[in-house]
Amino acid sequence: MPQTKQLTAKKANLVLCHDCQKLLRYPDVPNRKSLQCPRCRSTVHQRKPESLSRTWALVISGFIFLIPANLLPIMTFTMKGSGEPSTIIDGVLMMVHHHMVPIALIVFIASIAVPFLKLTGLAILLLSVQFNWNTSKRQRTVMYRLIETIGRWSMLDVFVIAVLGALVELGILAEIKAGPAATFFCLSVVVTMFAAESFDTRLIWDKSEE
């Protein structure tokens, strides 16, 4: 059977207001850029303005922040007056050495694997849109949803440090202090969240149709 093309909202000159969810008809005029919603008076766009360039800037910034986040010490554990700073990978190796493999695996996945995979996935989506890769549109959309879903677990490592610091403060002989890597790690996570939000998945389908 011949494949029938589905009518999209863009082809039908329709647009949805992201604030009040009102369906509007986009005016068919030359060089149209934006439309004001008659209900809530917010600016409505068929596609997010400058989505690709903004997402690229945020993704590159996320990669840059991840470098000091993994090279600099993320915390310092002091016990009876002695201790030394440790990076994320040092903490994972220390947990493995003390036979805490499940916890080490969780920290490795949440603090090292997930941030890099999320940024790499966004970069792949951006490249697929810009160069119109002949790959499944549905799979790319599912990939974006997966990136957006797992992003909420990216702050697990910082959360663990905060909980440990609060618990250790109850004692006298031990002390935990967050290192400079924690700041860069938080910046990378926040930037990656904004990157996922700024990417317009509808561009995947637009480029494929073109």
N, C-alpha and C. Protein backbone atom coordinates (compact mmCIF):
# COMPACT_ATOMS: atom_id res chain seq x y z
N MET A 1 0.84 -1.20 0.00
CA MET A 1 0.00 0.00 0.00
C MET A 1 0.87 1.25 0.00
N PRO A 2 0.51 2.27 -0.75
CA PRO A 2 1.30 3.50 -0.77
C PRO A 2 1.20 4.22 0.57
N GLN A 3 2.32 4.81 0.98
CA GLN A 3 2.36 5.51 2.26
C GLN A 3 1.74 6.88 2.12
N THR A 4 0.77 7.18 2.98
CA THR A 4 0.10 8.47 2.95
C THR A 4 0.78 9.44 3.89
N LYS A 5 0.95 10.66 3.44
CA LYS A 5 1.58 11.68 4.25
C LYS A 5 0.55 12.29 5.19
N GLN A 6 0.93 12.42 6.44
CA GLN A 6 0.05 12.99 7.44
C GLN A 6 0.11 14.50 7.40
N LEU A 7 -1.03 15.13 7.62
CA LEU A 7 -1.10 16.58 7.67
C LEU A 7 -0.62 17.06 9.02
N THR A 8 0.40 17.89 9.05
CA THR A 8 0.93 18.44 10.29
C THR A 8 0.31 19.79 10.58
N ALA A 9 0.45 20.23 11.82
CA ALA A 9 -0.09 21.54 12.21
C ALA A 9 0.61 22.67 11.45
N LYS A 10 1.90 22.48 11.20
CA LYS A 10 2.63 23.52 10.47
C LYS A 10 2.12 23.67 9.05
N LYS A 11 1.85 22.52 8.39
CA LYS A 11 1.32 22.59 7.02
C LYS A 11 -0.08 23.18 6.99
N ALA A 12 -0.83 22.97 8.08
CA ALA A 12 -2.19 23.50 8.15
C ALA A 12 -2.22 24.92 8.69
N ASN A 13 -1.03 25.53 8.90
CA ASN A 13 -0.92 26.89 9.44
C ASN A 13 -1.58 27.02 10.81
N LEU A 14 -1.39 26.01 11.64
CA LEU A 14 -1.91 26.05 13.00
C LEU A 14 -0.76 26.08 13.99
N VAL A 15 -0.98 26.69 15.13
CA VAL A 15 0.03 26.78 16.17
C VAL A 15 -0.67 26.75 17.53
N LEU A 16 -0.01 26.14 18.50
CA LEU A 16 -0.56 26.00 19.85
C LEU A 16 0.15 26.96 20.79
N CYS A 17 -0.63 27.72 21.55
CA CYS A 17 -0.05 28.61 22.55
C CYS A 17 0.46 27.76 23.72
N HIS A 18 1.72 27.95 24.07
CA HIS A 18 2.32 27.14 25.13
C HIS A 18 1.86 27.58 26.52
N ASP A 19 1.25 28.75 26.63
CA ASP A 19 0.82 29.24 27.95
C ASP A 19 -0.61 28.84 28.28
N CYS A 20 -1.53 29.09 27.36
CA CYS A 20 -2.95 28.81 27.64
C CYS A 20 -3.51 27.67 26.80
N GLN A 21 -2.66 27.06 25.94
CA GLN A 21 -3.05 25.90 25.12
C GLN A 21 -4.15 26.20 24.11
N LYS A 22 -4.26 27.43 23.70
CA LYS A 22 -5.25 27.80 22.68
C LYS A 22 -4.68 27.51 21.29
N LEU A 23 -5.49 26.84 20.46
CA LEU A 23 -5.07 26.53 19.10
C LEU A 23 -5.38 27.73 18.21
N LEU A 24 -4.35 28.23 17.53
CA LEU A 24 -4.48 29.44 16.72
C LEU A 24 -4.13 29.13 15.27
N ARG A 25 -4.67 29.95 14.40
CA ARG A 25 -4.30 29.84 12.99
C ARG A 25 -3.20 30.84 12.69
N TYR A 26 -2.08 30.33 12.21
CA TYR A 26 -0.93 31.18 11.94
C TYR A 26 -1.19 31.98 10.67
N PRO A 27 -1.02 33.29 10.69
CA PRO A 27 -1.32 34.10 9.51
C PRO A 27 -0.38 33.79 8.36
N ASP A 28 -0.95 33.63 7.19
CA ASP A 28 -0.18 33.29 6.00
C ASP A 28 0.32 34.58 5.34
N VAL A 29 1.35 35.17 5.95
CA VAL A 29 1.93 36.41 5.44
C VAL A 29 3.43 36.20 5.27
N PRO A 30 4.07 36.94 4.38
CA PRO A 30 5.51 36.76 4.17
C PRO A 30 6.32 37.18 5.40
N ASN A 31 7.44 36.48 5.61
CA ASN A 31 8.38 36.81 6.68
C ASN A 31 7.73 36.84 8.06
N ARG A 32 6.75 35.98 8.30
CA ARG A 32 6.12 35.95 9.60
C ARG A 32 7.06 35.30 10.61
N LYS A 33 7.14 35.86 11.79
CA LYS A 33 8.05 35.36 12.81
C LYS A 33 7.32 34.99 14.09
N SER A 34 6.36 35.77 14.50
CA SER A 34 5.69 35.50 15.76
C SER A 34 4.23 35.93 15.68
N LEU A 35 3.46 35.48 16.63
CA LEU A 35 2.04 35.78 16.70
C LEU A 35 1.67 35.96 18.16
N GLN A 36 0.81 36.91 18.44
CA GLN A 36 0.38 37.16 19.81
C GLN A 36 -0.94 36.45 20.07
N CYS A 37 -0.97 35.70 21.16
CA CYS A 37 -2.17 34.96 21.51
C CYS A 37 -3.27 35.94 21.94
N PRO A 38 -4.46 35.85 21.36
CA PRO A 38 -5.53 36.78 21.73
C PRO A 38 -6.08 36.52 23.13
N ARG A 39 -5.83 35.34 23.70
CA ARG A 39 -6.36 35.01 25.02
C ARG A 39 -5.43 35.49 26.14
N CYS A 40 -4.15 35.10 26.07
CA CYS A 40 -3.22 35.44 27.17
C CYS A 40 -2.19 36.48 26.78
N ARG A 41 -2.19 36.93 25.54
CA ARG A 41 -1.30 37.98 25.05
C ARG A 41 0.18 37.57 25.06
N SER A 42 0.46 36.29 25.09
CA SER A 42 1.85 35.85 25.04
C SER A 42 2.26 35.63 23.59
N THR A 43 3.55 35.72 23.33
CA THR A 43 4.07 35.54 21.98
C THR A 43 4.08 34.06 21.63
N VAL A 44 3.55 33.73 20.47
CA VAL A 44 3.41 32.35 20.03
C VAL A 44 4.29 32.14 18.80
N HIS A 45 5.02 31.03 18.77
CA HIS A 45 5.86 30.68 17.63
C HIS A 45 5.49 29.28 17.16
N GLN A 46 5.60 29.07 15.85
CA GLN A 46 5.41 27.72 15.33
C GLN A 46 6.53 26.79 15.78
N ARG A 47 7.73 27.32 15.86
CA ARG A 47 8.88 26.59 16.35
C ARG A 47 9.67 27.49 17.30
N LYS A 48 10.38 26.88 18.23
CA LYS A 48 11.17 27.68 19.18
C LYS A 48 12.22 28.48 18.42
N PRO A 49 12.28 29.79 18.65
CA PRO A 49 13.24 30.62 17.91
C PRO A 49 14.69 30.24 18.24
N GLU A 50 15.51 30.15 17.20
CA GLU A 50 16.95 29.87 17.35
C GLU A 50 17.19 28.63 18.21
N SER A 51 16.37 27.61 18.02
CA SER A 51 16.48 26.42 18.86
C SER A 51 17.82 25.71 18.69
N LEU A 52 18.28 25.54 17.45
CA LEU A 52 19.51 24.79 17.21
C LEU A 52 20.73 25.53 17.75
N SER A 53 20.85 26.81 17.45
CA SER A 53 22.03 27.56 17.90
C SER A 53 22.06 27.68 19.41
N ARG A 54 20.90 27.89 20.03
CA ARG A 54 20.86 28.01 21.49
C ARG A 54 21.20 26.67 22.15
N THR A 55 20.67 25.59 21.60
CA THR A 55 20.96 24.27 22.17
C THR A 55 22.42 23.90 21.99
N TRP A 56 23.01 24.23 20.84
CA TRP A 56 24.43 23.96 20.62
C TRP A 56 25.28 24.71 21.64
N ALA A 57 24.96 25.96 21.89
CA ALA A 57 25.73 26.76 22.85
C ALA A 57 25.65 26.15 24.25
N LEU A 58 24.47 25.68 24.64
CA LEU A 58 24.30 25.08 25.96
C LEU A 58 24.98 23.72 26.06
N VAL A 59 24.92 22.94 24.99
CA VAL A 59 25.57 21.62 25.01
C VAL A 59 27.09 21.77 25.11
N ILE A 60 27.66 22.68 24.34
CA ILE A 60 29.11 22.90 24.41
C ILE A 60 29.51 23.41 25.79
N SER A 61 28.70 24.30 26.36
CA SER A 61 28.98 24.78 27.72
C SER A 61 28.92 23.64 28.73
N GLY A 62 27.97 22.72 28.55
CA GLY A 62 27.87 21.57 29.44
C GLY A 62 29.10 20.69 29.38
N PHE A 63 29.62 20.45 28.17
CA PHE A 63 30.84 19.67 28.03
C PHE A 63 32.03 20.36 28.71
N ILE A 64 32.10 21.68 28.55
CA ILE A 64 33.21 22.43 29.15
C ILE A 64 33.15 22.35 30.67
N PHE A 65 31.95 22.48 31.24
CA PHE A 65 31.81 22.41 32.70
C PHE A 65 32.12 21.01 33.24
N LEU A 66 31.91 19.98 32.42
CA LEU A 66 32.17 18.62 32.88
C LEU A 66 33.66 18.33 33.05
N ILE A 67 34.50 19.07 32.34
CA ILE A 67 35.95 18.82 32.44
C ILE A 67 36.47 19.13 33.85
N PRO A 68 36.27 20.35 34.38
CA PRO A 68 36.72 20.58 35.77
C PRO A 68 35.89 19.80 36.78
N ALA A 69 34.65 19.47 36.44
CA ALA A 69 33.82 18.70 37.38
C ALA A 69 34.39 17.32 37.64
N ASN A 70 35.11 16.76 36.66
CA ASN A 70 35.69 15.43 36.83
C ASN A 70 37.17 15.47 37.19
N LEU A 71 37.85 16.59 36.93
CA LEU A 71 39.28 16.68 37.24
C LEU A 71 39.55 17.28 38.61
N LEU A 72 38.70 18.20 39.03
CA LEU A 72 38.90 18.85 40.34
C LEU A 72 38.28 17.99 41.44
N PRO A 73 38.75 18.17 42.68
CA PRO A 73 38.15 17.42 43.80
C PRO A 73 36.72 17.85 44.06
N ILE A 74 35.85 16.87 44.27
CA ILE A 74 34.45 17.16 44.52
C ILE A 74 34.13 17.20 46.00
N MET A 75 34.96 16.55 46.83
CA MET A 75 34.75 16.63 48.26
C MET A 75 36.04 16.27 48.99
N THR A 76 36.12 16.71 50.26
CA THR A 76 37.24 16.39 51.13
C THR A 76 36.69 15.76 52.40
N PHE A 77 37.10 14.54 52.65
CA PHE A 77 36.67 13.83 53.86
C PHE A 77 37.81 13.82 54.86
N THR A 78 37.59 14.43 56.02
CA THR A 78 38.60 14.53 57.05
C THR A 78 38.19 13.69 58.24
N MET A 79 39.08 12.80 58.64
CA MET A 79 38.82 11.91 59.76
C MET A 79 39.96 12.01 60.76
N LYS A 80 39.65 12.47 61.97
CA LYS A 80 40.65 12.64 63.03
C LYS A 80 41.79 13.55 62.60
N GLY A 81 41.42 14.61 61.89
CA GLY A 81 42.40 15.61 61.49
C GLY A 81 43.16 15.31 60.23
N SER A 82 42.96 14.15 59.62
CA SER A 82 43.69 13.80 58.39
C SER A 82 42.69 13.47 57.29
N GLY A 83 43.05 13.85 56.09
CA GLY A 83 42.20 13.58 54.94
C GLY A 83 42.73 14.28 53.72
N GLU A 84 42.23 13.96 52.56
CA GLU A 84 42.68 14.57 51.32
C GLU A 84 41.51 14.69 50.35
N PRO A 85 41.58 15.68 49.45
CA PRO A 85 40.49 15.86 48.48
C PRO A 85 40.42 14.67 47.53
N SER A 86 39.23 14.40 47.02
CA SER A 86 39.04 13.29 46.08
C SER A 86 38.10 13.73 44.97
N THR A 87 38.37 13.24 43.75
CA THR A 87 37.50 13.50 42.61
C THR A 87 36.35 12.48 42.60
N ILE A 88 35.49 12.62 41.61
CA ILE A 88 34.36 11.69 41.51
C ILE A 88 34.83 10.26 41.29
N ILE A 89 35.79 10.10 40.39
CA ILE A 89 36.27 8.75 40.10
C ILE A 89 37.05 8.19 41.29
N ASP A 90 37.73 9.06 42.05
CA ASP A 90 38.41 8.60 43.27
C ASP A 90 37.40 8.06 44.28
N GLY A 91 36.28 8.76 44.40
CA GLY A 91 35.24 8.29 45.32
C GLY A 91 34.66 6.95 44.89
N VAL A 92 34.49 6.77 43.56
CA VAL A 92 33.97 5.50 43.06
C VAL A 92 34.95 4.37 43.36
N LEU A 93 36.24 4.61 43.10
CA LEU A 93 37.25 3.59 43.36
C LEU A 93 37.37 3.27 44.85
N MET A 94 37.21 4.29 45.68
CA MET A 94 37.27 4.07 47.12
C MET A 94 36.11 3.19 47.57
N MET A 95 34.91 3.42 47.03
CA MET A 95 33.76 2.59 47.38
C MET A 95 33.96 1.15 46.91
N VAL A 96 34.54 0.98 45.72
CA VAL A 96 34.81 -0.37 45.25
C VAL A 96 35.83 -1.06 46.15
N HIS A 97 36.84 -0.30 46.59
CA HIS A 97 37.87 -0.86 47.48
C HIS A 97 37.28 -1.30 48.81
N HIS A 98 36.26 -0.60 49.28
CA HIS A 98 35.62 -0.94 50.55
C HIS A 98 34.40 -1.85 50.34
N HIS A 99 34.33 -2.49 49.17
CA HIS A 99 33.30 -3.48 48.87
C HIS A 99 31.89 -2.88 48.87
N MET A 100 31.77 -1.63 48.44
CA MET A 100 30.46 -0.99 48.29
C MET A 100 30.17 -0.82 46.80
N VAL A 101 30.19 -1.96 46.10
CA VAL A 101 30.06 -1.94 44.64
C VAL A 101 28.71 -1.37 44.17
N PRO A 102 27.57 -1.75 44.77
CA PRO A 102 26.30 -1.18 44.30
C PRO A 102 26.25 0.34 44.40
N ILE A 103 26.72 0.90 45.52
CA ILE A 103 26.72 2.35 45.68
C ILE A 103 27.69 2.99 44.68
N ALA A 104 28.86 2.36 44.50
CA ALA A 104 29.82 2.88 43.54
C ALA A 104 29.25 2.88 42.13
N LEU A 105 28.49 1.84 41.79
CA LEU A 105 27.87 1.76 40.47
C LEU A 105 26.83 2.86 40.28
N ILE A 106 26.04 3.13 41.31
CA ILE A 106 25.03 4.19 41.23
C ILE A 106 25.68 5.55 41.04
N VAL A 107 26.73 5.82 41.82
CA VAL A 107 27.43 7.11 41.71
C VAL A 107 28.09 7.25 40.34
N PHE A 108 28.69 6.17 39.84
CA PHE A 108 29.34 6.22 38.52
C PHE A 108 28.32 6.51 37.43
N ILE A 109 27.19 5.81 37.47
CA ILE A 109 26.17 6.02 36.44
C ILE A 109 25.58 7.42 36.52
N ALA A 110 25.24 7.87 37.74
CA ALA A 110 24.56 9.16 37.90
C ALA A 110 25.50 10.34 37.70
N SER A 111 26.78 10.19 38.07
CA SER A 111 27.69 11.34 38.08
C SER A 111 28.64 11.39 36.90
N ILE A 112 28.90 10.27 36.26
CA ILE A 112 29.86 10.25 35.15
C ILE A 112 29.17 9.84 33.85
N ALA A 113 28.50 8.68 33.87
CA ALA A 113 27.92 8.15 32.63
C ALA A 113 26.75 9.00 32.14
N VAL A 114 25.80 9.29 33.04
CA VAL A 114 24.59 10.00 32.63
C VAL A 114 24.88 11.39 32.06
N PRO A 115 25.67 12.25 32.73
CA PRO A 115 25.93 13.58 32.16
C PRO A 115 26.56 13.53 30.78
N PHE A 116 27.58 12.65 30.59
CA PHE A 116 28.23 12.56 29.29
C PHE A 116 27.28 11.99 28.24
N LEU A 117 26.52 10.96 28.58
CA LEU A 117 25.60 10.36 27.61
C LEU A 117 24.48 11.32 27.24
N LYS A 118 24.02 12.10 28.22
CA LYS A 118 22.94 13.05 27.93
C LYS A 118 23.42 14.13 26.97
N LEU A 119 24.60 14.69 27.21
CA LEU A 119 25.14 15.72 26.31
C LEU A 119 25.46 15.13 24.95
N THR A 120 26.01 13.92 24.92
CA THR A 120 26.31 13.27 23.65
C THR A 120 25.03 12.99 22.87
N GLY A 121 23.98 12.56 23.56
CA GLY A 121 22.71 12.32 22.89
C GLY A 121 22.13 13.58 22.29
N LEU A 122 22.20 14.69 23.03
CA LEU A 122 21.71 15.96 22.49
C LEU A 122 22.54 16.40 21.28
N ALA A 123 23.85 16.18 21.34
CA ALA A 123 24.70 16.53 20.20
C ALA A 123 24.34 15.70 18.98
N ILE A 124 24.06 14.42 19.18
CA ILE A 124 23.65 13.55 18.07
C ILE A 124 22.32 14.02 17.47
N LEU A 125 21.38 14.41 18.32
CA LEU A 125 20.09 14.91 17.82
C LEU A 125 20.29 16.20 17.02
N LEU A 126 21.15 17.08 17.50
CA LEU A 126 21.40 18.33 16.78
C LEU A 126 22.04 18.07 15.43
N LEU A 127 23.00 17.15 15.39
CA LEU A 127 23.65 16.82 14.12
C LEU A 127 22.67 16.15 13.16
N SER A 128 21.79 15.31 13.70
CA SER A 128 20.82 14.63 12.83
C SER A 128 19.85 15.60 12.20
N VAL A 129 19.52 16.68 12.92
CA VAL A 129 18.62 17.69 12.37
C VAL A 129 19.34 18.56 11.35
N GLN A 130 20.55 19.00 11.69
CA GLN A 130 21.28 19.90 10.80
C GLN A 130 21.66 19.23 9.49
N PHE A 131 22.06 17.95 9.54
CA PHE A 131 22.49 17.25 8.34
C PHE A 131 21.43 16.30 7.79
N ASN A 132 20.24 16.33 8.38
CA ASN A 132 19.09 15.56 7.88
C ASN A 132 19.45 14.09 7.69
N TRP A 133 19.90 13.47 8.79
CA TRP A 133 20.29 12.07 8.73
C TRP A 133 19.08 11.20 8.40
N ASN A 134 19.34 10.15 7.64
CA ASN A 134 18.29 9.23 7.24
C ASN A 134 18.12 8.15 8.32
N THR A 135 17.67 8.58 9.48
CA THR A 135 17.41 7.66 10.59
C THR A 135 15.96 7.80 11.03
N SER A 136 15.53 6.88 11.87
CA SER A 136 14.13 6.85 12.28
C SER A 136 13.77 8.10 13.08
N LYS A 137 12.75 8.80 12.64
CA LYS A 137 12.29 9.99 13.36
C LYS A 137 11.71 9.61 14.71
N ARG A 138 11.00 8.50 14.74
CA ARG A 138 10.39 8.06 15.99
C ARG A 138 11.46 7.69 17.02
N GLN A 139 12.51 7.02 16.58
CA GLN A 139 13.58 6.64 17.50
C GLN A 139 14.29 7.87 18.05
N ARG A 140 14.48 8.87 17.22
CA ARG A 140 15.12 10.09 17.70
C ARG A 140 14.24 10.82 18.72
N THR A 141 12.93 10.79 18.50
CA THR A 141 12.03 11.41 19.45
C THR A 141 12.03 10.66 20.78
N VAL A 142 12.03 9.33 20.71
CA VAL A 142 12.12 8.52 21.93
C VAL A 142 13.44 8.76 22.65
N MET A 143 14.50 8.93 21.89
CA MET A 143 15.81 9.22 22.46
C MET A 143 15.79 10.54 23.23
N TYR A 144 15.13 11.55 22.68
CA TYR A 144 15.02 12.83 23.38
C TYR A 144 14.22 12.68 24.67
N ARG A 145 13.13 11.94 24.62
CA ARG A 145 12.31 11.75 25.82
C ARG A 145 13.09 11.02 26.90
N LEU A 146 13.92 10.06 26.49
CA LEU A 146 14.76 9.34 27.45
C LEU A 146 15.78 10.27 28.09
N ILE A 147 16.39 11.12 27.27
CA ILE A 147 17.36 12.09 27.80
C ILE A 147 16.69 13.02 28.79
N GLU A 148 15.49 13.47 28.46
CA GLU A 148 14.77 14.39 29.35
C GLU A 148 14.36 13.70 30.64
N THR A 149 14.07 12.39 30.59
CA THR A 149 13.62 11.66 31.77
C THR A 149 14.76 11.39 32.74
N ILE A 150 15.90 10.93 32.21
CA ILE A 150 17.01 10.56 33.10
C ILE A 150 17.76 11.78 33.61
N GLY A 151 17.47 12.95 33.07
CA GLY A 151 18.18 14.14 33.52
C GLY A 151 17.93 14.48 34.98
N ARG A 152 16.79 14.07 35.52
CA ARG A 152 16.48 14.40 36.91
C ARG A 152 17.38 13.68 37.89
N TRP A 153 18.06 12.60 37.45
CA TRP A 153 18.94 11.86 38.35
C TRP A 153 20.38 12.36 38.27
N SER A 154 20.66 13.40 37.50
CA SER A 154 22.02 13.86 37.33
C SER A 154 22.58 14.53 38.58
N MET A 155 21.71 14.98 39.48
CA MET A 155 22.17 15.67 40.69
C MET A 155 22.35 14.71 41.86
N LEU A 156 22.33 13.41 41.59
CA LEU A 156 22.40 12.44 42.68
C LEU A 156 23.71 12.54 43.45
N ASP A 157 24.81 12.75 42.72
CA ASP A 157 26.12 12.82 43.38
C ASP A 157 26.19 14.00 44.34
N VAL A 158 25.73 15.16 43.90
CA VAL A 158 25.72 16.34 44.77
C VAL A 158 24.79 16.13 45.96
N PHE A 159 23.67 15.46 45.71
CA PHE A 159 22.74 15.16 46.80
C PHE A 159 23.38 14.24 47.85
N VAL A 160 24.14 13.25 47.37
CA VAL A 160 24.83 12.35 48.31
C VAL A 160 25.83 13.11 49.16
N ILE A 161 26.57 14.04 48.56
CA ILE A 161 27.53 14.84 49.32
C ILE A 161 26.83 15.70 50.36
N ALA A 162 25.71 16.28 49.97
CA ALA A 162 24.97 17.12 50.92
C ALA A 162 24.44 16.30 52.09
N VAL A 163 23.90 15.11 51.81
CA VAL A 163 23.39 14.25 52.88
C VAL A 163 24.52 13.78 53.79
N LEU A 164 25.64 13.35 53.18
CA LEU A 164 26.78 12.92 53.99
C LEU A 164 27.31 14.05 54.85
N GLY A 165 27.38 15.24 54.28
CA GLY A 165 27.85 16.38 55.05
C GLY A 165 26.96 16.68 56.23
N ALA A 166 25.62 16.60 56.02
CA ALA A 166 24.70 16.85 57.12
C ALA A 166 24.78 15.78 58.20
N LEU A 167 24.98 14.52 57.79
CA LEU A 167 25.07 13.44 58.77
C LEU A 167 26.38 13.49 59.55
N VAL A 168 27.47 13.79 58.85
CA VAL A 168 28.76 13.82 59.51
C VAL A 168 28.87 14.99 60.47
N GLU A 169 28.16 16.08 60.16
CA GLU A 169 28.20 17.24 61.04
C GLU A 169 27.68 16.91 62.43
N LEU A 170 26.90 15.81 62.54
CA LEU A 170 26.40 15.41 63.86
C LEU A 170 27.50 14.81 64.72
N GLY A 171 28.58 14.36 64.07
CA GLY A 171 29.69 13.79 64.82
C GLY A 171 30.71 14.86 65.17
N ILE A 172 31.86 14.41 65.72
CA ILE A 172 32.89 15.33 66.17
C ILE A 172 34.21 15.06 65.45
N LEU A 173 34.52 13.81 65.16
CA LEU A 173 35.82 13.44 64.65
C LEU A 173 35.93 13.52 63.14
N ALA A 174 34.82 13.59 62.44
CA ALA A 174 34.84 13.57 60.97
C ALA A 174 34.22 14.83 60.41
N GLU A 175 34.64 15.17 59.17
CA GLU A 175 34.12 16.36 58.51
C GLU A 175 34.17 16.16 57.01
N ILE A 176 33.13 16.61 56.32
CA ILE A 176 33.06 16.54 54.86
C ILE A 176 32.81 17.93 54.31
N LYS A 177 33.63 18.33 53.34
CA LYS A 177 33.48 19.62 52.70
C LYS A 177 33.40 19.42 51.19
N ALA A 178 32.47 20.13 50.57
CA ALA A 178 32.34 20.05 49.11
C ALA A 178 33.49 20.79 48.45
N GLY A 179 33.98 20.22 47.34
CA GLY A 179 35.07 20.82 46.61
C GLY A 179 34.60 21.66 45.44
N PRO A 180 35.54 22.29 44.72
CA PRO A 180 35.15 23.15 43.59
C PRO A 180 34.47 22.40 42.46
N ALA A 181 34.72 21.09 42.34
CA ALA A 181 34.09 20.31 41.27
C ALA A 181 32.58 20.26 41.42
N ALA A 182 32.10 20.36 42.65
CA ALA A 182 30.65 20.31 42.87
C ALA A 182 29.95 21.48 42.19
N THR A 183 30.61 22.65 42.22
CA THR A 183 30.02 23.83 41.56
C THR A 183 29.94 23.63 40.05
N PHE A 184 31.04 23.15 39.45
CA PHE A 184 31.04 22.91 38.00
C PHE A 184 30.07 21.80 37.62
N PHE A 185 29.94 20.80 38.49
CA PHE A 185 29.01 19.71 38.21
C PHE A 185 27.57 20.23 38.20
N CYS A 186 27.23 21.06 39.18
CA CYS A 186 25.88 21.65 39.21
C CYS A 186 25.63 22.52 37.99
N LEU A 187 26.64 23.30 37.61
CA LEU A 187 26.49 24.15 36.42
C LEU A 187 26.26 23.31 35.17
N SER A 188 26.98 22.20 35.06
CA SER A 188 26.81 21.32 33.90
C SER A 188 25.42 20.72 33.86
N VAL A 189 24.92 20.30 35.03
CA VAL A 189 23.59 19.70 35.08
C VAL A 189 22.52 20.72 34.71
N VAL A 190 22.64 21.93 35.25
CA VAL A 190 21.65 22.98 34.97
C VAL A 190 21.68 23.37 33.50
N VAL A 191 22.88 23.54 32.95
CA VAL A 191 23.02 23.90 31.54
C VAL A 191 22.44 22.81 30.64
N THR A 192 22.67 21.55 31.00
CA THR A 192 22.13 20.44 30.21
C THR A 192 20.61 20.40 30.26
N MET A 193 20.04 20.72 31.41
CA MET A 193 18.58 20.79 31.52
C MET A 193 18.01 21.87 30.62
N PHE A 194 18.67 23.03 30.59
CA PHE A 194 18.23 24.11 29.70
C PHE A 194 18.41 23.71 28.23
N ALA A 195 19.47 22.96 27.93
CA ALA A 195 19.69 22.52 26.56
C ALA A 195 18.58 21.59 26.09
N ALA A 196 18.19 20.64 26.96
CA ALA A 196 17.10 19.74 26.61
C ALA A 196 15.78 20.49 26.44
N GLU A 197 15.59 21.53 27.24
CA GLU A 197 14.36 22.32 27.15
C GLU A 197 14.34 23.18 25.89
N SER A 198 15.49 23.68 25.47
CA SER A 198 15.53 24.58 24.31
C SER A 198 15.46 23.84 22.98
N PHE A 199 15.76 22.54 22.99
CA PHE A 199 15.70 21.77 21.74
C PHE A 199 14.25 21.50 21.35
N ASP A 200 13.90 21.82 20.13
CA ASP A 200 12.54 21.63 19.63
C ASP A 200 12.50 20.33 18.83
N THR A 201 11.85 19.30 19.38
CA THR A 201 11.81 18.00 18.72
C THR A 201 11.04 18.02 17.40
N ARG A 202 10.20 19.03 17.22
CA ARG A 202 9.45 19.11 15.96
C ARG A 202 10.36 19.36 14.77
N LEU A 203 11.57 19.89 15.04
CA LEU A 203 12.52 20.10 13.95
C LEU A 203 12.96 18.78 13.33
N ILE A 204 12.94 17.71 14.11
CA ILE A 204 13.29 16.39 13.56
C ILE A 204 12.34 16.02 12.43
N TRP A 205 11.06 16.24 12.66
CA TRP A 205 10.06 15.88 11.66
C TRP A 205 10.03 16.89 10.52
N ASP A 206 10.29 18.17 10.81
CA ASP A 206 10.31 19.18 9.75
C ASP A 206 11.43 18.90 8.75
N LYS A 207 12.65 18.63 9.26
CA LYS A 207 13.78 18.39 8.38
C LYS A 207 13.58 17.14 7.55
N SER A 208 12.98 16.12 8.15
CA SER A 208 12.77 14.87 7.42
C SER A 208 11.76 15.07 6.29
N GLU A 209 10.74 15.89 6.55
CA GLU A 209 9.73 16.14 5.52
C GLU A 209 10.30 16.96 4.38
N GLU A 210 11.24 17.87 4.72
CA GLU A 210 11.84 18.67 3.66
C GLU A 210 12.71 17.81 2.77
